[in-house]
Amino acid sequence: MQVVAVTTVISGYADLPELIGRMTGDEKHAAVATSTLDVLWVLYDRVLRVDPDRPDDPDRDRFLLSKGHAPMAYYAVLAVKGFLRPDELDTWATFDSRLGHHPDRALVPGVEIGSGSLGHGLPIGVGLALGLRAQGRPCRVVVLVGDAELEEGSNHEAIQVAGRLGLDRLTVVVVDNASASLGWPGGVADRFAREGWAGTTVNGRDHDALYTAFTRDHPGHPLAVVAAVEPKEYRHP
């Protein structure tokens, strides 16, 4: 009997729900994962200069998923973009899988940091942006955080330092699903603007609006993009 290998053919954004659906067992974080879906897609499809054939290119853009406790959408986008095999998603969170509940930079191609302990991504991103600037590299550093995560004190220090130092190759995208306990007078974008950032708020499901926000000019200032999505209790279809 002839054995025929079956290859999953994936082409783009429309395949993401099916790919995310392969990763089961962490349904309590499903809404958290899908809240990042459109932001991740726009970044990897239209903004970031990254190449799965050269994941360690020193001049690549760096993407840091600080909101790493629900990486299912992240893994799915990496699979569509060629960093992972789609069938590897079926091994998610199993004993011998490299795809854990928190992404691991030592195991997963394209992942820049191990994350999931909230409040670490933005400070790391500030240091990374400083180091790349000192080396004279043109790389962009993009950090994805959640609105509730911003209540960690380490983020406040990082926001201040980045603004004072004019780290204009640093972008923070805040996925705002209204889960912050305290919030900020004037809104999340205003929190960054007061520290010298260029800030804007857009619909976190509108791909064109996200692209425009990510590619706006902001010389001498780091960029904060607040991507407003449905409240955490809502499940994106």
C-alpha atoms as a PDB file:
ATOM      1  CA  MET A   1       0.000   0.000   0.000  1.00  0.00           C
ATOM      2  CA  GLN A   2       1.344   3.438  -0.941  1.00  0.00           C
ATOM      3  CA  VAL A   3       1.487   5.972   1.858  1.00  0.00           C
ATOM      4  CA  VAL A   4       0.774   9.523   0.779  1.00  0.00           C
ATOM      5  CA  ALA A   5       1.913  12.399   2.961  1.00  0.00           C
ATOM      6  CA  VAL A   6      -0.739  15.005   3.662  1.00  0.00           C
ATOM      7  CA  THR A   7       0.433  18.600   3.715  1.00  0.00           C
ATOM      8  CA  THR A   8      -1.627  21.408   5.168  1.00  0.00           C
ATOM      9  CA  VAL A   9      -1.785  24.318   2.766  1.00  0.00           C
ATOM     10  CA  ILE A  10      -2.129  27.698   4.431  1.00  0.00           C
ATOM     11  CA  SER A  11      -2.309  31.029   2.718  1.00  0.00           C
ATOM     12  CA  GLY A  12      -3.147  33.850   5.072  1.00  0.00           C
ATOM     13  CA  TYR A  13      -5.414  35.550   7.558  1.00  0.00           C
ATOM     14  CA  ALA A  14      -8.436  33.385   6.752  1.00  0.00           C
ATOM     15  CA  ASP A  15      -6.564  30.312   7.991  1.00  0.00           C
ATOM     16  CA  LEU A  16      -5.864  31.696  11.453  1.00  0.00           C
ATOM     17  CA  PRO A  17      -9.096  30.629  13.228  1.00  0.00           C
ATOM     18  CA  GLU A  18      -8.587  27.027  12.138  1.00  0.00           C
ATOM     19  CA  LEU A  19      -4.953  27.066  13.213  1.00  0.00           C
ATOM     20  CA  ILE A  20      -5.794  28.579  16.596  1.00  0.00           C
ATOM     21  CA  GLY A  21      -8.495  25.935  17.016  1.00  0.00           C
ATOM     22  CA  ARG A  22      -5.862  23.208  16.894  1.00  0.00           C
ATOM     23  CA  MET A  23      -4.462  24.401  20.208  1.00  0.00           C
ATOM     24  CA  THR A  24      -6.870  23.250  22.905  1.00  0.00           C
ATOM     25  CA  GLY A  25      -6.725  22.967  26.670  1.00  0.00           C
ATOM     26  CA  ASP A  26      -6.362  26.625  27.618  1.00  0.00           C
ATOM     27  CA  GLU A  27      -9.830  27.879  26.784  1.00  0.00           C
ATOM     28  CA  LYS A  28      -9.848  30.289  29.732  1.00  0.00           C
ATOM     29  CA  HIS A  29      -7.279  32.360  27.813  1.00  0.00           C
ATOM     30  CA  ALA A  30      -8.972  32.067  24.403  1.00  0.00           C
ATOM     31  CA  ALA A  31     -10.327  35.628  24.482  1.00  0.00           C
ATOM     32  CA  VAL A  32      -6.943  36.958  25.579  1.00  0.00           C
ATOM     33  CA  ALA A  33      -5.291  35.229  22.625  1.00  0.00           C
ATOM     34  CA  THR A  34      -7.778  36.360  20.010  1.00  0.00           C
ATOM     35  CA  SER A  35      -7.612  39.945  21.296  1.00  0.00           C
ATOM     36  CA  THR A  36      -4.121  40.105  19.798  1.00  0.00           C
ATOM     37  CA  LEU A  37      -4.958  38.395  16.500  1.00  0.00           C
ATOM     38  CA  ASP A  38      -5.423  41.364  14.180  1.00  0.00           C
ATOM     39  CA  VAL A  39      -2.522  43.329  15.619  1.00  0.00           C
ATOM     40  CA  LEU A  40      -0.220  40.348  15.164  1.00  0.00           C
ATOM     41  CA  TRP A  41      -1.392  39.791  11.622  1.00  0.00           C
ATOM     42  CA  VAL A  42      -0.885  43.376  10.498  1.00  0.00           C
ATOM     43  CA  LEU A  43       2.556  43.491  12.073  1.00  0.00           C
ATOM     44  CA  TYR A  44       3.796  40.267  10.504  1.00  0.00           C
ATOM     45  CA  ASP A  45       2.029  40.723   7.181  1.00  0.00           C
ATOM     46  CA  ARG A  46       2.678  44.406   6.506  1.00  0.00           C
ATOM     47  CA  VAL A  47       5.075  46.025   8.973  1.00  0.00           C
ATOM     48  CA  LEU A  48       7.873  43.918  10.453  1.00  0.00           C
ATOM     49  CA  ARG A  49      11.039  43.171   8.483  1.00  0.00           C
ATOM     50  CA  VAL A  50      11.521  39.534   9.464  1.00  0.00           C
ATOM     51  CA  ASP A  51      12.388  36.457   7.412  1.00  0.00           C
ATOM     52  CA  PRO A  52      11.766  32.833   8.487  1.00  0.00           C
ATOM     53  CA  ASP A  53      14.800  31.802   6.424  1.00  0.00           C
ATOM     54  CA  ARG A  54      16.988  34.229   8.398  1.00  0.00           C
ATOM     55  CA  PRO A  55      15.459  34.381  11.888  1.00  0.00           C
ATOM     56  CA  ASP A  56      18.735  35.571  13.414  1.00  0.00           C
ATOM     57  CA  ASP A  57      19.488  38.325  10.883  1.00  0.00           C
ATOM     58  CA  PRO A  58      21.153  41.050  13.001  1.00  0.00           C
ATOM     59  CA  ASP A  59      19.277  43.740  11.065  1.00  0.00           C
ATOM     60  CA  ARG A  60      15.837  42.164  11.521  1.00  0.00           C
ATOM     61  CA  ASP A  61      13.073  44.006  13.320  1.00  0.00           C
ATOM     62  CA  ARG A  62      12.414  42.684  16.822  1.00  0.00           C
ATOM     63  CA  PHE A  63       8.928  41.795  18.028  1.00  0.00           C
ATOM     64  CA  LEU A  64       8.461  41.152  21.744  1.00  0.00           C
ATOM     65  CA  LEU A  65       5.225  39.543  22.914  1.00  0.00           C
ATOM     66  CA  SER A  66       5.091  40.746  26.508  1.00  0.00           C
ATOM     67  CA  LYS A  67       1.492  39.540  26.787  1.00  0.00           C
ATOM     68  CA  GLY A  68       2.801  36.002  26.496  1.00  0.00           C
ATOM     69  CA  HIS A  69       0.437  34.048  28.721  1.00  0.00           C
ATOM     70  CA  ALA A  70      -1.900  33.261  25.805  1.00  0.00           C
ATOM     71  CA  PRO A  71       0.322  32.776  22.729  1.00  0.00           C
ATOM     72  CA  MET A  72      -2.054  30.740  20.539  1.00  0.00           C
ATOM     73  CA  ALA A  73      -2.661  33.546  18.032  1.00  0.00           C
ATOM     74  CA  TYR A  74       1.078  34.273  18.000  1.00  0.00           C
ATOM     75  CA  TYR A  75       1.934  30.671  17.150  1.00  0.00           C
ATOM     76  CA  ALA A  76      -0.732  30.615  14.433  1.00  0.00           C
ATOM     77  CA  VAL A  77       0.663  33.753  12.787  1.00  0.00           C
ATOM     78  CA  LEU A  78       4.190  32.341  12.978  1.00  0.00           C
ATOM     79  CA  ALA A  79       2.918  29.206  11.241  1.00  0.00           C
ATOM     80  CA  VAL A  80       1.268  31.173   8.426  1.00  0.00           C
ATOM     81  CA  LYS A  81       4.461  33.181   7.961  1.00  0.00           C
ATOM     82  CA  GLY A  82       6.702  30.130   7.740  1.00  0.00           C
ATOM     83  CA  PHE A  83       8.436  30.142  11.124  1.00  0.00           C
ATOM     84  CA  LEU A  84       6.572  27.001  12.234  1.00  0.00           C
ATOM     85  CA  ARG A  85       5.034  24.008  10.476  1.00  0.00           C
ATOM     86  CA  PRO A  86       1.234  24.118  10.764  1.00  0.00           C
ATOM     87  CA  ASP A  87       1.085  20.498  11.953  1.00  0.00           C
ATOM     88  CA  GLU A  88       3.333  21.404  14.866  1.00  0.00           C
ATOM     89  CA  LEU A  89       0.450  23.374  16.351  1.00  0.00           C
ATOM     90  CA  ASP A  90      -1.224  20.024  17.075  1.00  0.00           C
ATOM     91  CA  THR A  91       1.550  19.310  19.610  1.00  0.00           C
ATOM     92  CA  TRP A  92       0.873  22.506  21.590  1.00  0.00           C
ATOM     93  CA  ALA A  93       1.570  22.135  25.318  1.00  0.00           C
ATOM     94  CA  THR A  94       2.324  18.407  25.119  1.00  0.00           C
ATOM     95  CA  PHE A  95       5.275  16.931  26.981  1.00  0.00           C
ATOM     96  CA  ASP A  96       7.790  16.980  24.127  1.00  0.00           C
ATOM     97  CA  SER A  97       6.501  20.053  22.270  1.00  0.00           C
ATOM     98  CA  ARG A  98       8.498  23.248  21.926  1.00  0.00           C
ATOM     99  CA  LEU A  99       5.211  25.185  21.868  1.00  0.00           C
ATOM    100  CA  GLY A 100       4.400  25.862  25.494  1.00  0.00           C
ATOM    101  CA  HIS A 101       1.803  27.971  27.265  1.00  0.00           C
ATOM    102  CA  HIS A 102       4.482  30.688  27.323  1.00  0.00           C
ATOM    103  CA  PRO A 103       6.667  31.204  24.225  1.00  0.00           C
ATOM    104  CA  ASP A 104      10.326  30.234  24.638  1.00  0.00           C
ATOM    105  CA  ARG A 105      12.961  32.099  22.624  1.00  0.00           C
ATOM    106  CA  ALA A 106      15.382  29.181  22.950  1.00  0.00           C
ATOM    107  CA  LEU A 107      12.934  26.786  21.302  1.00  0.00           C
ATOM    108  CA  VAL A 108      10.636  28.637  18.893  1.00  0.00           C
ATOM    109  CA  PRO A 109      12.031  30.234  15.706  1.00  0.00           C
ATOM    110  CA  GLY A 110      11.176  33.922  15.456  1.00  0.00           C
ATOM    111  CA  VAL A 111      10.464  34.369  19.169  1.00  0.00           C
ATOM    112  CA  GLU A 112      12.685  37.045  20.704  1.00  0.00           C
ATOM    113  CA  ILE A 113      11.947  36.664  24.433  1.00  0.00           C
ATOM    114  CA  GLY A 114      10.503  34.153  26.846  1.00  0.00           C
ATOM    115  CA  SER A 115       7.429  35.900  28.209  1.00  0.00           C
ATOM    116  CA  GLY A 116       4.203  35.565  30.126  1.00  0.00           C
ATOM    117  CA  SER A 117       5.286  37.019  33.448  1.00  0.00           C
ATOM    118  CA  LEU A 118       3.669  40.381  32.857  1.00  0.00           C
ATOM    119  CA  GLY A 119       5.586  43.638  32.993  1.00  0.00           C
ATOM    120  CA  HIS A 120       8.875  42.443  31.505  1.00  0.00           C
ATOM    121  CA  GLY A 121       8.489  43.027  27.762  1.00  0.00           C
ATOM    122  CA  LEU A 122       8.570  46.816  27.657  1.00  0.00           C
ATOM    123  CA  PRO A 123      11.654  47.222  29.877  1.00  0.00           C
ATOM    124  CA  ILE A 124      13.436  44.599  27.758  1.00  0.00           C
ATOM    125  CA  GLY A 125      12.328  46.455  24.629  1.00  0.00           C
ATOM    126  CA  VAL A 126      13.798  49.716  25.946  1.00  0.00           C
ATOM    127  CA  GLY A 127      17.153  48.056  26.565  1.00  0.00           C
ATOM    128  CA  LEU A 128      17.056  46.359  23.178  1.00  0.00           C
ATOM    129  CA  ALA A 129      16.254  49.615  21.388  1.00  0.00           C
ATOM    130  CA  LEU A 130      19.119  51.329  23.195  1.00  0.00           C
ATOM    131  CA  GLY A 131      21.543  48.558  22.277  1.00  0.00           C
ATOM    132  CA  LEU A 132      20.542  48.562  18.603  1.00  0.00           C
ATOM    133  CA  ARG A 133      20.816  52.353  18.474  1.00  0.00           C
ATOM    134  CA  ALA A 134      24.325  52.162  19.946  1.00  0.00           C
ATOM    135  CA  GLN A 135      25.259  49.655  17.231  1.00  0.00           C
ATOM    136  CA  GLY A 136      23.886  51.928  14.525  1.00  0.00           C
ATOM    137  CA  ARG A 137      21.407  49.322  13.309  1.00  0.00           C
ATOM    138  CA  PRO A 138      18.169  50.469  11.633  1.00  0.00           C
ATOM    139  CA  CYS A 139      16.031  47.828  13.344  1.00  0.00           C
ATOM    140  CA  ARG A 140      12.635  48.554  14.774  1.00  0.00           C
ATOM    141  CA  VAL A 141      11.586  47.153  18.161  1.00  0.00           C
ATOM    142  CA  VAL A 142       7.863  46.478  18.650  1.00  0.00           C
ATOM    143  CA  VAL A 143       6.467  45.372  22.013  1.00  0.00           C
ATOM    144  CA  LEU A 144       2.913  44.079  22.476  1.00  0.00           C
ATOM    145  CA  VAL A 145       1.434  44.573  25.935  1.00  0.00           C
ATOM    146  CA  GLY A 146      -2.033  44.395  27.449  1.00  0.00           C
ATOM    147  CA  ASP A 147      -3.826  47.302  29.096  1.00  0.00           C
ATOM    148  CA  ALA A 148      -3.920  45.545  32.476  1.00  0.00           C
ATOM    149  CA  GLU A 149      -0.235  44.723  32.220  1.00  0.00           C
ATOM    150  CA  LEU A 150       0.570  48.434  32.121  1.00  0.00           C
ATOM    151  CA  GLU A 151      -0.301  48.609  35.815  1.00  0.00           C
ATOM    152  CA  GLU A 152       2.982  46.816  36.583  1.00  0.00           C
ATOM    153  CA  GLY A 153       5.432  49.374  37.968  1.00  0.00           C
ATOM    154  CA  SER A 154       8.255  48.286  35.669  1.00  0.00           C
ATOM    155  CA  ASN A 155       6.265  49.609  32.722  1.00  0.00           C
ATOM    156  CA  HIS A 156       5.966  53.092  34.211  1.00  0.00           C
ATOM    157  CA  GLU A 157       9.742  53.328  34.515  1.00  0.00           C
ATOM    158  CA  ALA A 158      10.235  52.054  30.967  1.00  0.00           C
ATOM    159  CA  ILE A 159       7.720  54.564  29.569  1.00  0.00           C
ATOM    160  CA  GLN A 160       9.543  57.414  31.289  1.00  0.00           C
ATOM    161  CA  VAL A 161      13.017  56.359  30.159  1.00  0.00           C
ATOM    162  CA  ALA A 162      12.017  55.731  26.540  1.00  0.00           C
ATOM    163  CA  GLY A 163      10.349  59.111  26.283  1.00  0.00           C
ATOM    164  CA  ARG A 164      13.275  60.979  27.825  1.00  0.00           C
ATOM    165  CA  LEU A 165      15.798  59.245  25.571  1.00  0.00           C
ATOM    166  CA  GLY A 166      13.760  59.722  22.392  1.00  0.00           C
ATOM    167  CA  LEU A 167      13.804  56.051  21.367  1.00  0.00           C
ATOM    168  CA  ASP A 168      12.032  56.582  18.051  1.00  0.00           C
ATOM    169  CA  ARG A 169      12.771  53.027  16.839  1.00  0.00           C
ATOM    170  CA  LEU A 170      10.639  51.689  19.701  1.00  0.00           C
ATOM    171  CA  THR A 171       6.919  51.024  19.269  1.00  0.00           C
ATOM    172  CA  VAL A 172       4.542  49.759  21.930  1.00  0.00           C
ATOM    173  CA  VAL A 173       1.161  48.410  20.908  1.00  0.00           C
ATOM    174  CA  VAL A 174      -1.302  48.173  23.785  1.00  0.00           C
ATOM    175  CA  VAL A 175      -4.139  45.732  23.177  1.00  0.00           C
ATOM    176  CA  ASP A 176      -6.877  47.357  25.224  1.00  0.00           C
ATOM    177  CA  ASN A 177      -9.657  44.925  26.145  1.00  0.00           C
ATOM    178  CA  ALA A 178     -10.816  46.949  29.144  1.00  0.00           C
ATOM    179  CA  SER A 179      -9.276  44.585  31.672  1.00  0.00           C
ATOM    180  CA  ALA A 180      -7.198  47.097  33.641  1.00  0.00           C
ATOM    181  CA  SER A 181      -8.207  47.390  37.275  1.00  0.00           C
ATOM    182  CA  LEU A 182      -7.427  51.095  37.671  1.00  0.00           C
ATOM    183  CA  GLY A 183      -7.052  52.648  34.228  1.00  0.00           C
ATOM    184  CA  TRP A 184      -5.661  56.103  33.441  1.00  0.00           C
ATOM    185  CA  PRO A 185      -7.305  59.550  33.444  1.00  0.00           C
ATOM    186  CA  GLY A 186      -7.467  60.648  29.820  1.00  0.00           C
ATOM    187  CA  GLY A 187      -6.979  57.128  28.487  1.00  0.00           C
ATOM    188  CA  VAL A 188      -4.030  54.855  27.766  1.00  0.00           C
ATOM    189  CA  ALA A 189      -2.593  56.900  24.874  1.00  0.00           C
ATOM    190  CA  ASP A 190      -2.500  60.008  27.070  1.00  0.00           C
ATOM    191  CA  ARG A 191      -0.414  58.104  29.628  1.00  0.00           C
ATOM    192  CA  PHE A 192       2.318  57.745  27.002  1.00  0.00           C
ATOM    193  CA  ALA A 193       1.895  61.231  25.529  1.00  0.00           C
ATOM    194  CA  ARG A 194       2.617  62.824  28.915  1.00  0.00           C
ATOM    195  CA  GLU A 195       6.033  61.151  28.866  1.00  0.00           C
ATOM    196  CA  GLY A 196       6.964  62.375  25.395  1.00  0.00           C
ATOM    197  CA  TRP A 197       5.645  59.530  23.250  1.00  0.00           C
ATOM    198  CA  ALA A 198       3.709  59.898  20.010  1.00  0.00           C
ATOM    199  CA  GLY A 199       0.413  58.200  20.820  1.00  0.00           C
ATOM    200  CA  THR A 200      -2.741  57.211  18.972  1.00  0.00           C
ATOM    201  CA  THR A 201      -5.799  55.007  19.559  1.00  0.00           C
ATOM    202  CA  VAL A 202      -7.341  52.904  16.790  1.00  0.00           C
ATOM    203  CA  ASN A 203      -9.823  50.088  16.296  1.00  0.00           C
ATOM    204  CA  GLY A 204      -7.813  46.954  17.054  1.00  0.00           C
ATOM    205  CA  ARG A 205      -9.756  44.986  14.416  1.00  0.00           C
ATOM    206  CA  ASP A 206      -9.260  47.483  11.570  1.00  0.00           C
ATOM    207  CA  HIS A 207      -6.226  46.353   9.586  1.00  0.00           C
ATOM    208  CA  ASP A 208      -5.828  49.547   7.571  1.00  0.00           C
ATOM    209  CA  ALA A 209      -6.135  51.740  10.657  1.00  0.00           C
ATOM    210  CA  LEU A 210      -3.535  49.624  12.447  1.00  0.00           C
ATOM    211  CA  TYR A 211      -1.155  49.806   9.494  1.00  0.00           C
ATOM    212  CA  THR A 212      -1.509  53.581   9.284  1.00  0.00           C
ATOM    213  CA  ALA A 213      -0.837  53.911  13.006  1.00  0.00           C
ATOM    214  CA  PHE A 214       2.231  51.670  12.881  1.00  0.00           C
ATOM    215  CA  THR A 215       3.757  53.518   9.923  1.00  0.00           C
ATOM    216  CA  ARG A 216       3.155  57.138  10.957  1.00  0.00           C
ATOM    217  CA  ASP A 217       6.179  59.419  11.249  1.00  0.00           C
ATOM    218  CA  HIS A 218       7.334  60.105  14.814  1.00  0.00           C
ATOM    219  CA  PRO A 219      10.931  61.404  14.656  1.00  0.00           C
ATOM    220  CA  GLY A 220      12.567  61.777  18.037  1.00  0.00           C
ATOM    221  CA  HIS A 221       9.723  60.106  19.924  1.00  0.00           C
ATOM    222  CA  PRO A 222       8.810  56.481  20.676  1.00  0.00           C
ATOM    223  CA  LEU A 223       5.412  55.410  19.334  1.00  0.00           C
ATOM    224  CA  ALA A 224       2.462  54.042  21.318  1.00  0.00           C
ATOM    225  CA  VAL A 225      -0.458  52.499  19.425  1.00  0.00           C
ATOM    226  CA  VAL A 226      -3.499  51.634  21.530  1.00  0.00           C
ATOM    227  CA  ALA A 227      -5.515  48.926  19.765  1.00  0.00           C
ATOM    228  CA  ALA A 228      -9.003  48.961  21.277  1.00  0.00           C
ATOM    229  CA  VAL A 229     -10.822  45.629  21.073  1.00  0.00           C
ATOM    230  CA  GLU A 230     -13.875  44.041  22.670  1.00  0.00           C
ATOM    231  CA  PRO A 231     -13.979  43.785  26.476  1.00  0.00           C
ATOM    232  CA  LYS A 232     -12.333  40.675  27.851  1.00  0.00           C
ATOM    233  CA  GLU A 233     -15.619  38.875  28.466  1.00  0.00           C
ATOM    234  CA  TYR A 234     -16.452  39.051  24.750  1.00  0.00           C
ATOM    235  CA  ARG A 235     -15.241  36.197  22.522  1.00  0.00           C
ATOM    236  CA  HIS A 236     -14.172  37.206  19.005  1.00  0.00           C
ATOM    237  CA  PRO A 237     -15.757  34.901  16.382  1.00  0.00           C
END
